[in-house]
């Protein structure tokens, strides 16, 4: 039984190494792959709205010299470009495609933006309980290179589920700025709060290195590796010679406290970093099962720290509780990492 427990921990360590490698691979390779349209993930408030391309109109109003009410053919007639862009959802999924459309800055130049304008607001046809989706960009954001009003995707007409007839492409921003099924664009002189922004999400959706979930994922995976090494080296300190003898020699018992300290510090720092970034972007933290499992992992690990300190002074009566709390925290961490992988691949 004890030998089986040791073997189980070895397997957990191997699993953590595989997960870490997978997460690192996701972080390095996802930008290089073009996702076929029929495999592209979908996120929206509800099902795609019924749109008749012949009666659809794009209304453009607000602080512009030339308000317009454009047909689909008139939008497509604008000078267009094709660009590669990665869509990344704040909950994890990401995918890359080639998009064809008119650069938003070119579109704004044709309209003639009036002095004093601050933002460009986008209103969509999809709805949930009667509320249509909306979002906005500042004028500086709208004029960034690569920002498109797209009607094509991977060399074909934009699929309905991806926003046909018109979708906003904002490279470098989280997906909630990528408005789909656009029916109105308004240039305004005030701070507009769209669907998610009015619910506490950040006005700026720029994906900065400190807010990138890929960084969080890789660091958490490394924490899982350190945790597995700490667990295996801890078994070599076990009072049972039969149990400790089954642990490979590459995990010397004298390094247990150092590996454990590195594991605790990295996991707690990554967790605090994730909480702060998530609060900044979403004004909420534990909105996913992934986050709630991570919270439990931290709680178990804090108990492991509390019970481990007396062991340094030779008190052995807390050894079982120390082992159980650390093993439970580590198992929960692996589950959190696995859930993160599932979120990442959609």
C-alpha atoms as a PDB file:
ATOM      1  CA  UNK A   1       0.000   0.000   0.000  1.00  0.00           C
ATOM      2  CA  UNK A   2       2.765   2.425   0.933  1.00  0.00           C
ATOM      3  CA  UNK A   3       4.755   1.485  -2.137  1.00  0.00           C
ATOM      4  CA  UNK A   4       1.653   2.114  -4.248  1.00  0.00           C
ATOM      5  CA  UNK A   5       1.316   5.571  -2.719  1.00  0.00           C
ATOM      6  CA  UNK A   6       4.927   6.358  -3.641  1.00  0.00           C
ATOM      7  CA  UNK A   7       4.399   5.076  -7.165  1.00  0.00           C
ATOM      8  CA  UNK A   8       1.335   7.275  -7.428  1.00  0.00           C
ATOM      9  CA  UNK A   9       3.346  10.347  -6.537  1.00  0.00           C
ATOM     10  CA  UNK A  10       5.964   9.441  -9.143  1.00  0.00           C
ATOM     11  CA  UNK A  11       3.167   9.283 -11.698  1.00  0.00           C
ATOM     12  CA  UNK A  12       1.839  12.654 -10.528  1.00  0.00           C
ATOM     13  CA  UNK A  13       5.299  14.128 -10.976  1.00  0.00           C
ATOM     14  CA  UNK A  14       5.523  12.709 -14.486  1.00  0.00           C
ATOM     15  CA  UNK A  15       2.074  14.116 -15.250  1.00  0.00           C
ATOM     16  CA  UNK A  16       3.115  17.559 -14.035  1.00  0.00           C
ATOM     17  CA  UNK A  17       6.137  17.503 -16.337  1.00  0.00           C
ATOM     18  CA  UNK A  18       3.923  16.595 -19.290  1.00  0.00           C
ATOM     19  CA  UNK A  19       1.437  19.351 -18.425  1.00  0.00           C
ATOM     20  CA  UNK A  20       4.232  21.915 -18.074  1.00  0.00           C
ATOM     21  CA  UNK A  21       5.609  20.938 -21.464  1.00  0.00           C
ATOM     22  CA  UNK A  22       2.143  21.139 -22.996  1.00  0.00           C
ATOM     23  CA  UNK A  23       1.477  24.589 -21.556  1.00  0.00           C
ATOM     24  CA  UNK A  24       4.872  25.822 -22.724  1.00  0.00           C
ATOM     25  CA  UNK A  25       4.139  24.441 -26.172  1.00  0.00           C
ATOM     26  CA  UNK A  26       0.783  26.204 -26.231  1.00  0.00           C
ATOM     27  CA  UNK A  27       2.412  29.483 -25.282  1.00  0.00           C
ATOM     28  CA  UNK A  28       5.070  29.195 -27.977  1.00  0.00           C
ATOM     29  CA  UNK A  29       3.193  27.672 -30.901  1.00  0.00           C
ATOM     30  CA  UNK A  30      -0.365  29.020 -30.888  1.00  0.00           C
ATOM     31  CA  UNK A  31       0.640  32.217 -32.732  1.00  0.00           C
ATOM     32  CA  UNK A  32       2.079  30.217 -35.622  1.00  0.00           C
ATOM     33  CA  UNK A  33      -0.965  28.107 -36.485  1.00  0.00           C
ATOM     34  CA  UNK A  34      -3.856  29.123 -38.708  1.00  0.00           C
ATOM     35  CA  UNK A  35      -7.116  27.696 -37.378  1.00  0.00           C
ATOM     36  CA  UNK A  36      -9.616  26.442 -40.000  1.00  0.00           C
ATOM     37  CA  UNK A  37     -12.941  28.252 -39.868  1.00  0.00           C
ATOM     38  CA  UNK A  38     -14.885  25.151 -38.865  1.00  0.00           C
ATOM     39  CA  UNK A  39     -12.518  24.577 -35.902  1.00  0.00           C
ATOM     40  CA  UNK A  40     -12.463  28.175 -34.691  1.00  0.00           C
ATOM     41  CA  UNK A  41     -13.907  28.615 -31.175  1.00  0.00           C
ATOM     42  CA  UNK A  42     -17.094  30.627 -30.665  1.00  0.00           C
ATOM     43  CA  UNK A  43     -18.006  32.986 -27.825  1.00  0.00           C
ATOM     44  CA  UNK A  44     -21.099  35.207 -27.852  1.00  0.00           C
ATOM     45  CA  UNK A  45     -24.034  36.286 -25.696  1.00  0.00           C
ATOM     46  CA  UNK A  46     -26.389  34.046 -27.622  1.00  0.00           C
ATOM     47  CA  UNK A  47     -26.793  32.240 -30.956  1.00  0.00           C
ATOM     48  CA  UNK A  48     -25.918  34.062 -34.195  1.00  0.00           C
ATOM     49  CA  UNK A  49     -28.675  36.544 -35.067  1.00  0.00           C
ATOM     50  CA  UNK A  50     -30.682  36.064 -38.272  1.00  0.00           C
ATOM     51  CA  UNK A  51     -29.227  38.564 -40.763  1.00  0.00           C
ATOM     52  CA  UNK A  52     -30.422  39.136 -44.323  1.00  0.00           C
ATOM     53  CA  UNK A  53     -27.389  40.479 -46.163  1.00  0.00           C
ATOM     54  CA  UNK A  54     -29.649  42.227 -48.698  1.00  0.00           C
ATOM     55  CA  UNK A  55     -31.498  44.258 -46.075  1.00  0.00           C
ATOM     56  CA  UNK A  56     -28.554  44.620 -43.656  1.00  0.00           C
ATOM     57  CA  UNK A  57     -27.228  48.142 -43.247  1.00  0.00           C
ATOM     58  CA  UNK A  58     -24.237  49.593 -41.439  1.00  0.00           C
ATOM     59  CA  UNK A  59     -25.278  52.877 -39.868  1.00  0.00           C
ATOM     60  CA  UNK A  60     -22.398  55.274 -39.218  1.00  0.00           C
ATOM     61  CA  UNK A  61     -23.172  58.389 -37.195  1.00  0.00           C
ATOM     62  CA  UNK A  62     -21.976  60.672 -34.433  1.00  0.00           C
ATOM     63  CA  UNK A  63     -19.121  63.129 -34.751  1.00  0.00           C
ATOM     64  CA  UNK A  64     -18.372  62.569 -38.432  1.00  0.00           C
ATOM     65  CA  UNK A  65     -18.522  64.892 -41.411  1.00  0.00           C
ATOM     66  CA  UNK A  66     -20.219  62.306 -43.626  1.00  0.00           C
ATOM     67  CA  UNK A  67     -22.726  60.046 -41.805  1.00  0.00           C
ATOM     68  CA  UNK A  68     -23.533  56.947 -43.832  1.00  0.00           C
ATOM     69  CA  UNK A  69     -25.995  54.080 -44.113  1.00  0.00           C
ATOM     70  CA  UNK A  70     -24.021  51.465 -46.044  1.00  0.00           C
ATOM     71  CA  UNK A  71     -25.107  48.258 -47.731  1.00  0.00           C
ATOM     72  CA  UNK A  72     -22.970  45.152 -47.551  1.00  0.00           C
ATOM     73  CA  UNK A  73     -21.720  45.653 -51.114  1.00  0.00           C
ATOM     74  CA  UNK A  74     -20.752  49.244 -50.316  1.00  0.00           C
ATOM     75  CA  UNK A  75     -18.730  48.135 -47.282  1.00  0.00           C
ATOM     76  CA  UNK A  76     -16.954  45.436 -49.284  1.00  0.00           C
ATOM     77  CA  UNK A  77     -16.167  48.007 -51.991  1.00  0.00           C
ATOM     78  CA  UNK A  78     -13.820  49.895 -49.662  1.00  0.00           C
ATOM     79  CA  UNK A  79     -10.103  49.367 -50.299  1.00  0.00           C
ATOM     80  CA  UNK A  80      -9.252  46.230 -48.342  1.00  0.00           C
ATOM     81  CA  UNK A  81      -6.288  44.378 -46.880  1.00  0.00           C
ATOM     82  CA  UNK A  82      -5.691  40.855 -45.563  1.00  0.00           C
ATOM     83  CA  UNK A  83      -3.890  40.414 -42.258  1.00  0.00           C
ATOM     84  CA  UNK A  84      -3.069  37.598 -39.852  1.00  0.00           C
ATOM     85  CA  UNK A  85      -4.441  38.079 -36.329  1.00  0.00           C
ATOM     86  CA  UNK A  86      -4.833  36.003 -33.183  1.00  0.00           C
ATOM     87  CA  UNK A  87      -8.123  36.120 -31.269  1.00  0.00           C
ATOM     88  CA  UNK A  88      -7.621  35.421 -27.566  1.00  0.00           C
ATOM     89  CA  UNK A  89     -10.427  35.006 -25.072  1.00  0.00           C
ATOM     90  CA  UNK A  90      -9.910  36.062 -21.446  1.00  0.00           C
ATOM     91  CA  UNK A  91     -11.137  32.625 -20.339  1.00  0.00           C
ATOM     92  CA  UNK A  92      -8.406  30.809 -22.254  1.00  0.00           C
ATOM     93  CA  UNK A  93      -9.186  29.799 -25.860  1.00  0.00           C
ATOM     94  CA  UNK A  94      -7.160  31.332 -28.683  1.00  0.00           C
ATOM     95  CA  UNK A  95      -7.034  30.886 -32.445  1.00  0.00           C
ATOM     96  CA  UNK A  96      -5.386  32.573 -35.420  1.00  0.00           C
ATOM     97  CA  UNK A  97      -6.785  33.383 -38.854  1.00  0.00           C
ATOM     98  CA  UNK A  98      -6.321  35.609 -41.880  1.00  0.00           C
ATOM     99  CA  UNK A  99      -8.906  38.405 -41.960  1.00  0.00           C
ATOM    100  CA  UNK A 100      -9.854  40.562 -44.942  1.00  0.00           C
ATOM    101  CA  UNK A 101     -11.465  43.971 -44.561  1.00  0.00           C
ATOM    102  CA  UNK A 102     -11.025  47.724 -44.505  1.00  0.00           C
ATOM    103  CA  UNK A 103      -8.541  49.228 -42.021  1.00  0.00           C
ATOM    104  CA  UNK A 104     -10.588  51.129 -39.463  1.00  0.00           C
ATOM    105  CA  UNK A 105      -8.330  54.170 -39.772  1.00  0.00           C
ATOM    106  CA  UNK A 106      -9.029  54.272 -43.521  1.00  0.00           C
ATOM    107  CA  UNK A 107     -12.749  53.996 -42.831  1.00  0.00           C
ATOM    108  CA  UNK A 108     -12.600  56.873 -40.325  1.00  0.00           C
ATOM    109  CA  UNK A 109     -10.685  59.041 -42.787  1.00  0.00           C
ATOM    110  CA  UNK A 110     -13.440  58.576 -45.365  1.00  0.00           C
ATOM    111  CA  UNK A 111     -16.064  59.568 -42.778  1.00  0.00           C
ATOM    112  CA  UNK A 112     -14.133  62.620 -41.596  1.00  0.00           C
ATOM    113  CA  UNK A 113     -13.864  62.592 -37.802  1.00  0.00           C
ATOM    114  CA  UNK A 114     -14.785  65.910 -36.179  1.00  0.00           C
ATOM    115  CA  UNK A 115     -12.546  67.692 -33.710  1.00  0.00           C
ATOM    116  CA  UNK A 116     -13.286  66.761 -30.097  1.00  0.00           C
ATOM    117  CA  UNK A 117     -14.159  63.118 -30.796  1.00  0.00           C
ATOM    118  CA  UNK A 118     -12.769  60.648 -28.239  1.00  0.00           C
ATOM    119  CA  UNK A 119     -14.003  57.137 -28.983  1.00  0.00           C
ATOM    120  CA  UNK A 120     -15.550  54.881 -31.589  1.00  0.00           C
ATOM    121  CA  UNK A 121     -18.470  52.779 -30.310  1.00  0.00           C
ATOM    122  CA  UNK A 122     -19.650  49.565 -31.983  1.00  0.00           C
ATOM    123  CA  UNK A 123     -23.169  48.161 -31.688  1.00  0.00           C
ATOM    124  CA  UNK A 124     -24.087  44.607 -32.679  1.00  0.00           C
ATOM    125  CA  UNK A 125     -27.133  42.631 -33.762  1.00  0.00           C
ATOM    126  CA  UNK A 126     -26.801  39.785 -31.250  1.00  0.00           C
ATOM    127  CA  UNK A 127     -28.826  39.994 -28.078  1.00  0.00           C
ATOM    128  CA  UNK A 128     -29.408  38.215 -24.791  1.00  0.00           C
ATOM    129  CA  UNK A 129     -32.665  38.993 -22.998  1.00  0.00           C
ATOM    130  CA  UNK A 130     -33.090  41.983 -25.294  1.00  0.00           C
ATOM    131  CA  UNK A 131     -29.664  43.580 -24.626  1.00  0.00           C
ATOM    132  CA  UNK A 132     -27.414  43.921 -27.664  1.00  0.00           C
ATOM    133  CA  UNK A 133     -23.647  43.630 -27.478  1.00  0.00           C
ATOM    134  CA  UNK A 134     -21.516  46.765 -27.679  1.00  0.00           C
ATOM    135  CA  UNK A 135     -17.962  47.889 -27.044  1.00  0.00           C
ATOM    136  CA  UNK A 136     -15.656  50.790 -27.922  1.00  0.00           C
ATOM    137  CA  UNK A 137     -12.120  51.834 -28.779  1.00  0.00           C
ATOM    138  CA  UNK A 138     -10.430  55.145 -28.187  1.00  0.00           C
ATOM    139  CA  UNK A 139      -9.538  57.015 -31.372  1.00  0.00           C
ATOM    140  CA  UNK A 140      -5.872  56.162 -30.843  1.00  0.00           C
ATOM    141  CA  UNK A 141      -6.746  52.468 -30.457  1.00  0.00           C
ATOM    142  CA  UNK A 142      -9.020  52.580 -33.499  1.00  0.00           C
ATOM    143  CA  UNK A 143      -6.201  53.988 -35.630  1.00  0.00           C
ATOM    144  CA  UNK A 144      -3.679  51.331 -34.632  1.00  0.00           C
ATOM    145  CA  UNK A 145      -2.155  49.284 -37.411  1.00  0.00           C
ATOM    146  CA  UNK A 146      -4.019  46.028 -37.989  1.00  0.00           C
ATOM    147  CA  UNK A 147      -7.423  47.107 -36.662  1.00  0.00           C
ATOM    148  CA  UNK A 148      -9.946  46.050 -39.298  1.00  0.00           C
ATOM    149  CA  UNK A 149     -13.616  45.962 -40.130  1.00  0.00           C
ATOM    150  CA  UNK A 150     -13.506  42.442 -41.570  1.00  0.00           C
ATOM    151  CA  UNK A 151     -15.904  40.621 -43.894  1.00  0.00           C
ATOM    152  CA  UNK A 152     -13.543  37.811 -44.885  1.00  0.00           C
ATOM    153  CA  UNK A 153     -11.827  35.054 -42.934  1.00  0.00           C
ATOM    154  CA  UNK A 154      -9.209  32.631 -44.262  1.00  0.00           C
ATOM    155  CA  UNK A 155      -9.901  33.629 -47.866  1.00  0.00           C
ATOM    156  CA  UNK A 156     -13.671  33.047 -47.711  1.00  0.00           C
ATOM    157  CA  UNK A 157     -16.664  35.089 -46.622  1.00  0.00           C
ATOM    158  CA  UNK A 158     -16.753  35.598 -42.861  1.00  0.00           C
ATOM    159  CA  UNK A 159     -18.791  32.709 -41.361  1.00  0.00           C
ATOM    160  CA  UNK A 160     -22.059  33.629 -39.651  1.00  0.00           C
ATOM    161  CA  UNK A 161     -20.922  32.243 -36.291  1.00  0.00           C
ATOM    162  CA  UNK A 162     -17.772  34.386 -36.523  1.00  0.00           C
ATOM    163  CA  UNK A 163     -19.658  37.641 -37.061  1.00  0.00           C
ATOM    164  CA  UNK A 164     -20.922  37.875 -40.661  1.00  0.00           C
ATOM    165  CA  UNK A 165     -21.416  40.302 -42.217  1.00  0.00           C
ATOM    166  CA  UNK A 166     -18.977  42.532 -40.312  1.00  0.00           C
ATOM    167  CA  UNK A 167     -16.561  41.901 -37.419  1.00  0.00           C
ATOM    168  CA  UNK A 168     -14.113  44.161 -35.612  1.00  0.00           C
ATOM    169  CA  UNK A 169     -10.545  42.790 -35.569  1.00  0.00           C
ATOM    170  CA  UNK A 170      -8.320  44.260 -32.837  1.00  0.00           C
ATOM    171  CA  UNK A 171      -4.919  42.521 -32.734  1.00  0.00           C
ATOM    172  CA  UNK A 172      -3.311  42.700 -29.306  1.00  0.00           C
ATOM    173  CA  UNK A 173      -6.617  43.125 -27.456  1.00  0.00           C
ATOM    174  CA  UNK A 174      -8.658  40.537 -25.587  1.00  0.00           C
ATOM    175  CA  UNK A 175     -11.599  39.069 -27.455  1.00  0.00           C
ATOM    176  CA  UNK A 176     -14.344  41.162 -25.845  1.00  0.00           C
ATOM    177  CA  UNK A 177     -13.242  44.042 -28.095  1.00  0.00           C
ATOM    178  CA  UNK A 178     -13.697  41.901 -31.229  1.00  0.00           C
ATOM    179  CA  UNK A 179     -17.334  42.864 -31.819  1.00  0.00           C
ATOM    180  CA  UNK A 180     -19.344  40.602 -34.150  1.00  0.00           C
ATOM    181  CA  UNK A 181     -22.468  41.225 -36.269  1.00  0.00           C
ATOM    182  CA  UNK A 182     -21.859  44.985 -36.266  1.00  0.00           C
ATOM    183  CA  UNK A 183     -24.845  47.093 -37.369  1.00  0.00           C
ATOM    184  CA  UNK A 184     -23.834  50.567 -36.154  1.00  0.00           C
ATOM    185  CA  UNK A 185     -20.637  52.555 -35.609  1.00  0.00           C
ATOM    186  CA  UNK A 186     -20.792  55.850 -33.752  1.00  0.00           C
ATOM    187  CA  UNK A 187     -17.972  58.343 -33.214  1.00  0.00           C
ATOM    188  CA  UNK A 188     -18.503  59.964 -29.817  1.00  0.00           C
ATOM    189  CA  UNK A 189     -16.984  62.544 -27.471  1.00  0.00           C
ATOM    190  CA  UNK A 190     -17.405  60.692 -24.163  1.00  0.00           C
ATOM    191  CA  UNK A 191     -16.233  57.546 -22.356  1.00  0.00           C
ATOM    192  CA  UNK A 192     -18.560  54.816 -23.609  1.00  0.00           C
ATOM    193  CA  UNK A 193     -19.171  51.712 -21.484  1.00  0.00           C
ATOM    194  CA  UNK A 194     -20.002  48.661 -23.564  1.00  0.00           C
ATOM    195  CA  UNK A 195     -21.640  45.391 -22.518  1.00  0.00           C
ATOM    196  CA  UNK A 196     -18.706  43.987 -20.519  1.00  0.00           C
ATOM    197  CA  UNK A 197     -17.116  47.315 -19.636  1.00  0.00           C
ATOM    198  CA  UNK A 198     -20.322  48.369 -17.881  1.00  0.00           C
ATOM    199  CA  UNK A 199     -20.034  45.176 -15.825  1.00  0.00           C
ATOM    200  CA  UNK A 200     -16.592  46.010 -14.453  1.00  0.00           C
ATOM    201  CA  UNK A 201     -14.276  44.820 -17.223  1.00  0.00           C
ATOM    202  CA  UNK A 202     -11.385  47.116 -18.125  1.00  0.00           C
ATOM    203  CA  UNK A 203     -11.903  49.763 -20.819  1.00  0.00           C
ATOM    204  CA  UNK A 204      -8.457  48.954 -22.171  1.00  0.00           C
ATOM    205  CA  UNK A 205      -8.287  45.325 -23.279  1.00  0.00           C
ATOM    206  CA  UNK A 206      -4.640  45.474 -24.325  1.00  0.00           C
ATOM    207  CA  UNK A 207      -2.848  42.162 -23.720  1.00  0.00           C
ATOM    208  CA  UNK A 208       0.236  43.202 -21.775  1.00  0.00           C
ATOM    209  CA  UNK A 209       2.954  40.740 -20.696  1.00  0.00           C
ATOM    210  CA  UNK A 210       1.887  41.054 -17.062  1.00  0.00           C
ATOM    211  CA  UNK A 211      -1.740  40.243 -17.921  1.00  0.00           C
ATOM    212  CA  UNK A 212      -1.045  37.462 -20.407  1.00  0.00           C
ATOM    213  CA  UNK A 213      -2.578  34.180 -19.201  1.00  0.00           C
ATOM    214  CA  UNK A 214       0.178  32.280 -21.029  1.00  0.00           C
ATOM    215  CA  UNK A 215       2.761  33.658 -18.587  1.00  0.00           C
ATOM    216  CA  UNK A 216       0.530  32.637 -15.686  1.00  0.00           C
ATOM    217  CA  UNK A 217       0.029  29.173 -17.198  1.00  0.00           C
ATOM    218  CA  UNK A 218       3.725  28.464 -17.689  1.00  0.00           C
ATOM    219  CA  UNK A 219       4.663  29.705 -14.200  1.00  0.00           C
ATOM    220  CA  UNK A 220       1.892  27.626 -12.627  1.00  0.00           C
ATOM    221  CA  UNK A 221       3.107  24.580 -14.537  1.00  0.00           C
ATOM    222  CA  UNK A 222       6.651  25.105 -13.249  1.00  0.00           C
ATOM    223  CA  UNK A 223       5.190  25.355  -9.749  1.00  0.00           C
ATOM    224  CA  UNK A 224       3.558  21.975 -10.355  1.00  0.00           C
ATOM    225  CA  UNK A 225       6.949  20.502 -11.293  1.00  0.00           C
ATOM    226  CA  UNK A 226       8.563  21.931  -8.160  1.00  0.00           C
ATOM    227  CA  UNK A 227       5.672  20.593  -6.073  1.00  0.00           C
ATOM    228  CA  UNK A 228       6.148  17.110  -7.450  1.00  0.00           C
ATOM    229  CA  UNK A 229       9.867  17.195  -6.711  1.00  0.00           C
ATOM    230  CA  UNK A 230       9.180  18.466  -3.186  1.00  0.00           C
ATOM    231  CA  UNK A 231       6.671  15.650  -2.612  1.00  0.00           C
ATOM    232  CA  UNK A 232       9.088  12.978  -3.796  1.00  0.00           C
ATOM    233  CA  UNK A 233      11.985  14.330  -1.759  1.00  0.00           C
ATOM    234  CA  UNK A 234       9.635  14.498   1.232  1.00  0.00           C
ATOM    235  CA  UNK A 235       8.896  10.801   0.903  1.00  0.00           C
ATOM    236  CA  UNK A 236      12.590  10.088   1.354  1.00  0.00           C
ATOM    237  CA  UNK A 237      12.220  11.660   4.794  1.00  0.00           C
ATOM    238  CA  UNK A 238       9.451   9.217   5.605  1.00  0.00           C
ATOM    239  CA  UNK A 239       9.864   7.133   8.708  1.00  0.00           C
ATOM    240  CA  UNK A 240       9.015   4.076   6.660  1.00  0.00           C
ATOM    241  CA  UNK A 241      12.127   2.725   5.015  1.00  0.00           C
ATOM    242  CA  UNK A 242       9.980   0.698   2.636  1.00  0.00           C
ATOM    243  CA  UNK A 243       8.300   3.854   1.392  1.00  0.00           C
ATOM    244  CA  UNK A 244      11.369   6.058   1.178  1.00  0.00           C
ATOM    245  CA  UNK A 245      13.431   3.408  -0.557  1.00  0.00           C
ATOM    246  CA  UNK A 246      11.071   3.423  -3.525  1.00  0.00           C
ATOM    247  CA  UNK A 247      11.731   7.101  -4.285  1.00  0.00           C
ATOM    248  CA  UNK A 248      14.404   7.639  -6.979  1.00  0.00           C
ATOM    249  CA  UNK A 249      17.811   8.814  -5.740  1.00  0.00           C
ATOM    250  CA  UNK A 250      17.573  11.974  -7.838  1.00  0.00           C
ATOM    251  CA  UNK A 251      15.341  13.433  -5.096  1.00  0.00           C
ATOM    252  CA  UNK A 252      17.655  13.647  -2.052  1.00  0.00           C
ATOM    253  CA  UNK A 253      15.905  14.221   1.248  1.00  0.00           C
ATOM    254  CA  UNK A 254      18.231  17.075   2.239  1.00  0.00           C
ATOM    255  CA  UNK A 255      16.733  19.239  -0.528  1.00  0.00           C
ATOM    256  CA  UNK A 256      13.149  18.736   0.606  1.00  0.00           C
ATOM    257  CA  UNK A 257      12.835  21.988   2.540  1.00  0.00           C
ATOM    258  CA  UNK A 258      14.397  24.014  -0.281  1.00  0.00           C
ATOM    259  CA  UNK A 259      12.176  22.466  -2.954  1.00  0.00           C
ATOM    260  CA  UNK A 260       9.147  22.940  -0.724  1.00  0.00           C
ATOM    261  CA  UNK A 261       9.998  26.591  -0.100  1.00  0.00           C
ATOM    262  CA  UNK A 262      10.473  27.223  -3.830  1.00  0.00           C
ATOM    263  CA  UNK A 263       7.149  25.502  -4.572  1.00  0.00           C
ATOM    264  CA  UNK A 264       5.239  27.464  -1.928  1.00  0.00           C
ATOM    265  CA  UNK A 265       6.722  30.815  -2.930  1.00  0.00           C
ATOM    266  CA  UNK A 266       6.191  30.356  -6.669  1.00  0.00           C
ATOM    267  CA  UNK A 267       2.641  29.030  -6.322  1.00  0.00           C
ATOM    268  CA  UNK A 268       1.584  31.778  -3.922  1.00  0.00           C
ATOM    269  CA  UNK A 269       3.178  34.535  -6.008  1.00  0.00           C
ATOM    270  CA  UNK A 270       1.535  33.246  -9.202  1.00  0.00           C
ATOM    271  CA  UNK A 271      -1.804  32.975  -7.411  1.00  0.00           C
ATOM    272  CA  UNK A 272      -1.597  36.531  -6.022  1.00  0.00           C
ATOM    273  CA  UNK A 273      -0.468  37.823  -9.426  1.00  0.00           C
ATOM    274  CA  UNK A 274      -3.414  36.093 -11.118  1.00  0.00           C
ATOM    275  CA  UNK A 275      -5.892  37.484  -8.568  1.00  0.00           C
ATOM    276  CA  UNK A 276      -4.661  41.066  -9.007  1.00  0.00           C
ATOM    277  CA  UNK A 277      -4.665  40.900 -12.804  1.00  0.00           C
ATOM    278  CA  UNK A 278      -8.106  39.275 -12.888  1.00  0.00           C
ATOM    279  CA  UNK A 279      -9.530  41.898 -10.544  1.00  0.00           C
ATOM    280  CA  UNK A 280      -8.091  44.600 -12.766  1.00  0.00           C
ATOM    281  CA  UNK A 281      -9.586  43.161 -15.949  1.00  0.00           C
ATOM    282  CA  UNK A 282     -12.840  41.660 -14.721  1.00  0.00           C
ATOM    283  CA  UNK A 283     -13.577  43.064 -11.249  1.00  0.00           C
ATOM    284  CA  UNK A 284     -14.090  39.424 -10.241  1.00  0.00           C
ATOM    285  CA  UNK A 285     -11.821  36.513  -9.394  1.00  0.00           C
ATOM    286  CA  UNK A 286     -13.272  33.064  -8.818  1.00  0.00           C
ATOM    287  CA  UNK A 287     -15.730  33.046 -11.715  1.00  0.00           C
ATOM    288  CA  UNK A 288     -14.450  29.735 -13.141  1.00  0.00           C
ATOM    289  CA  UNK A 289     -13.973  26.251 -11.725  1.00  0.00           C
ATOM    290  CA  UNK A 290     -10.280  26.636 -12.588  1.00  0.00           C
ATOM    291  CA  UNK A 291     -10.005  29.604 -10.228  1.00  0.00           C
ATOM    292  CA  UNK A 292     -11.957  27.964  -7.412  1.00  0.00           C
ATOM    293  CA  UNK A 293      -9.813  24.822  -7.573  1.00  0.00           C
ATOM    294  CA  UNK A 294      -6.685  27.005  -7.480  1.00  0.00           C
ATOM    295  CA  UNK A 295      -8.025  28.710  -4.344  1.00  0.00           C
ATOM    296  CA  UNK A 296      -8.499  25.324  -2.678  1.00  0.00           C
ATOM    297  CA  UNK A 297      -4.969  24.305  -3.688  1.00  0.00           C
ATOM    298  CA  UNK A 298      -3.601  27.421  -2.014  1.00  0.00           C
ATOM    299  CA  UNK A 299      -5.665  26.792   1.135  1.00  0.00           C
ATOM    300  CA  UNK A 300      -4.338  23.226   1.438  1.00  0.00           C
ATOM    301  CA  UNK A 301      -0.794  24.413   0.800  1.00  0.00           C
ATOM    302  CA  UNK A 302      -1.042  27.090   3.497  1.00  0.00           C
ATOM    303  CA  UNK A 303      -2.053  24.327   5.900  1.00  0.00           C
ATOM    304  CA  UNK A 304       0.989  22.388   4.688  1.00  0.00           C
ATOM    305  CA  UNK A 305       3.202  25.373   5.499  1.00  0.00           C
ATOM    306  CA  UNK A 306       1.639  25.766   8.945  1.00  0.00           C
ATOM    307  CA  UNK A 307       2.145  22.095   9.797  1.00  0.00           C
ATOM    308  CA  UNK A 308       5.627  21.960   8.280  1.00  0.00           C
ATOM    309  CA  UNK A 309       7.161  24.642  10.480  1.00  0.00           C
ATOM    310  CA  UNK A 310       6.906  22.564  13.712  1.00  0.00           C
ATOM    311  CA  UNK A 311       8.465  19.614  11.874  1.00  0.00           C
ATOM    312  CA  UNK A 312      11.646  21.653  11.457  1.00  0.00           C
ATOM    313  CA  UNK A 313      12.017  21.669  15.241  1.00  0.00           C
ATOM    314  CA  UNK A 314      11.622  17.907  15.500  1.00  0.00           C
ATOM    315  CA  UNK A 315       7.890  17.687  16.303  1.00  0.00           C
ATOM    316  CA  UNK A 316       6.615  14.617  14.487  1.00  0.00           C
ATOM    317  CA  UNK A 317       2.970  14.464  15.549  1.00  0.00           C
ATOM    318  CA  UNK A 318       1.919  16.771  12.700  1.00  0.00           C
ATOM    319  CA  UNK A 319       3.693  14.715  10.038  1.00  0.00           C
ATOM    320  CA  UNK A 320       0.547  12.945   8.814  1.00  0.00           C
ATOM    321  CA  UNK A 321      -1.467  16.171   8.599  1.00  0.00           C
ATOM    322  CA  UNK A 322       1.469  17.832   6.840  1.00  0.00           C
ATOM    323  CA  UNK A 323       1.623  15.038   4.281  1.00  0.00           C
ATOM    324  CA  UNK A 324      -2.139  14.949   3.676  1.00  0.00           C
ATOM    325  CA  UNK A 325      -2.492  18.730   3.315  1.00  0.00           C
ATOM    326  CA  UNK A 326       0.466  19.000   0.946  1.00  0.00           C
ATOM    327  CA  UNK A 327      -0.583  15.998  -1.113  1.00  0.00           C
ATOM    328  CA  UNK A 328      -4.136  17.376  -1.325  1.00  0.00           C
ATOM    329  CA  UNK A 329      -2.890  20.833  -2.306  1.00  0.00           C
ATOM    330  CA  UNK A 330      -0.585  19.410  -4.942  1.00  0.00           C
ATOM    331  CA  UNK A 331      -3.309  17.189  -6.415  1.00  0.00           C
ATOM    332  CA  UNK A 332      -5.657  20.196  -6.580  1.00  0.00           C
ATOM    333  CA  UNK A 333      -2.937  22.249  -8.265  1.00  0.00           C
ATOM    334  CA  UNK A 334      -2.548  19.587 -10.958  1.00  0.00           C
ATOM    335  CA  UNK A 335      -6.309  19.625 -11.465  1.00  0.00           C
ATOM    336  CA  UNK A 336      -6.241  23.441 -11.754  1.00  0.00           C
ATOM    337  CA  UNK A 337      -3.458  23.241 -14.342  1.00  0.00           C
ATOM    338  CA  UNK A 338      -5.343  20.562 -16.291  1.00  0.00           C
ATOM    339  CA  UNK A 339      -8.494  22.710 -16.271  1.00  0.00           C
ATOM    340  CA  UNK A 340      -6.371  25.594 -17.524  1.00  0.00           C
ATOM    341  CA  UNK A 341      -5.190  23.446 -20.415  1.00  0.00           C
ATOM    342  CA  UNK A 342      -8.799  22.579 -21.283  1.00  0.00           C
ATOM    343  CA  UNK A 343      -9.709  26.289 -21.234  1.00  0.00           C
ATOM    344  CA  UNK A 344      -6.722  27.104 -23.414  1.00  0.00           C
ATOM    345  CA  UNK A 345      -7.625  24.613 -26.119  1.00  0.00           C
ATOM    346  CA  UNK A 346     -11.273  25.609 -26.027  1.00  0.00           C
END
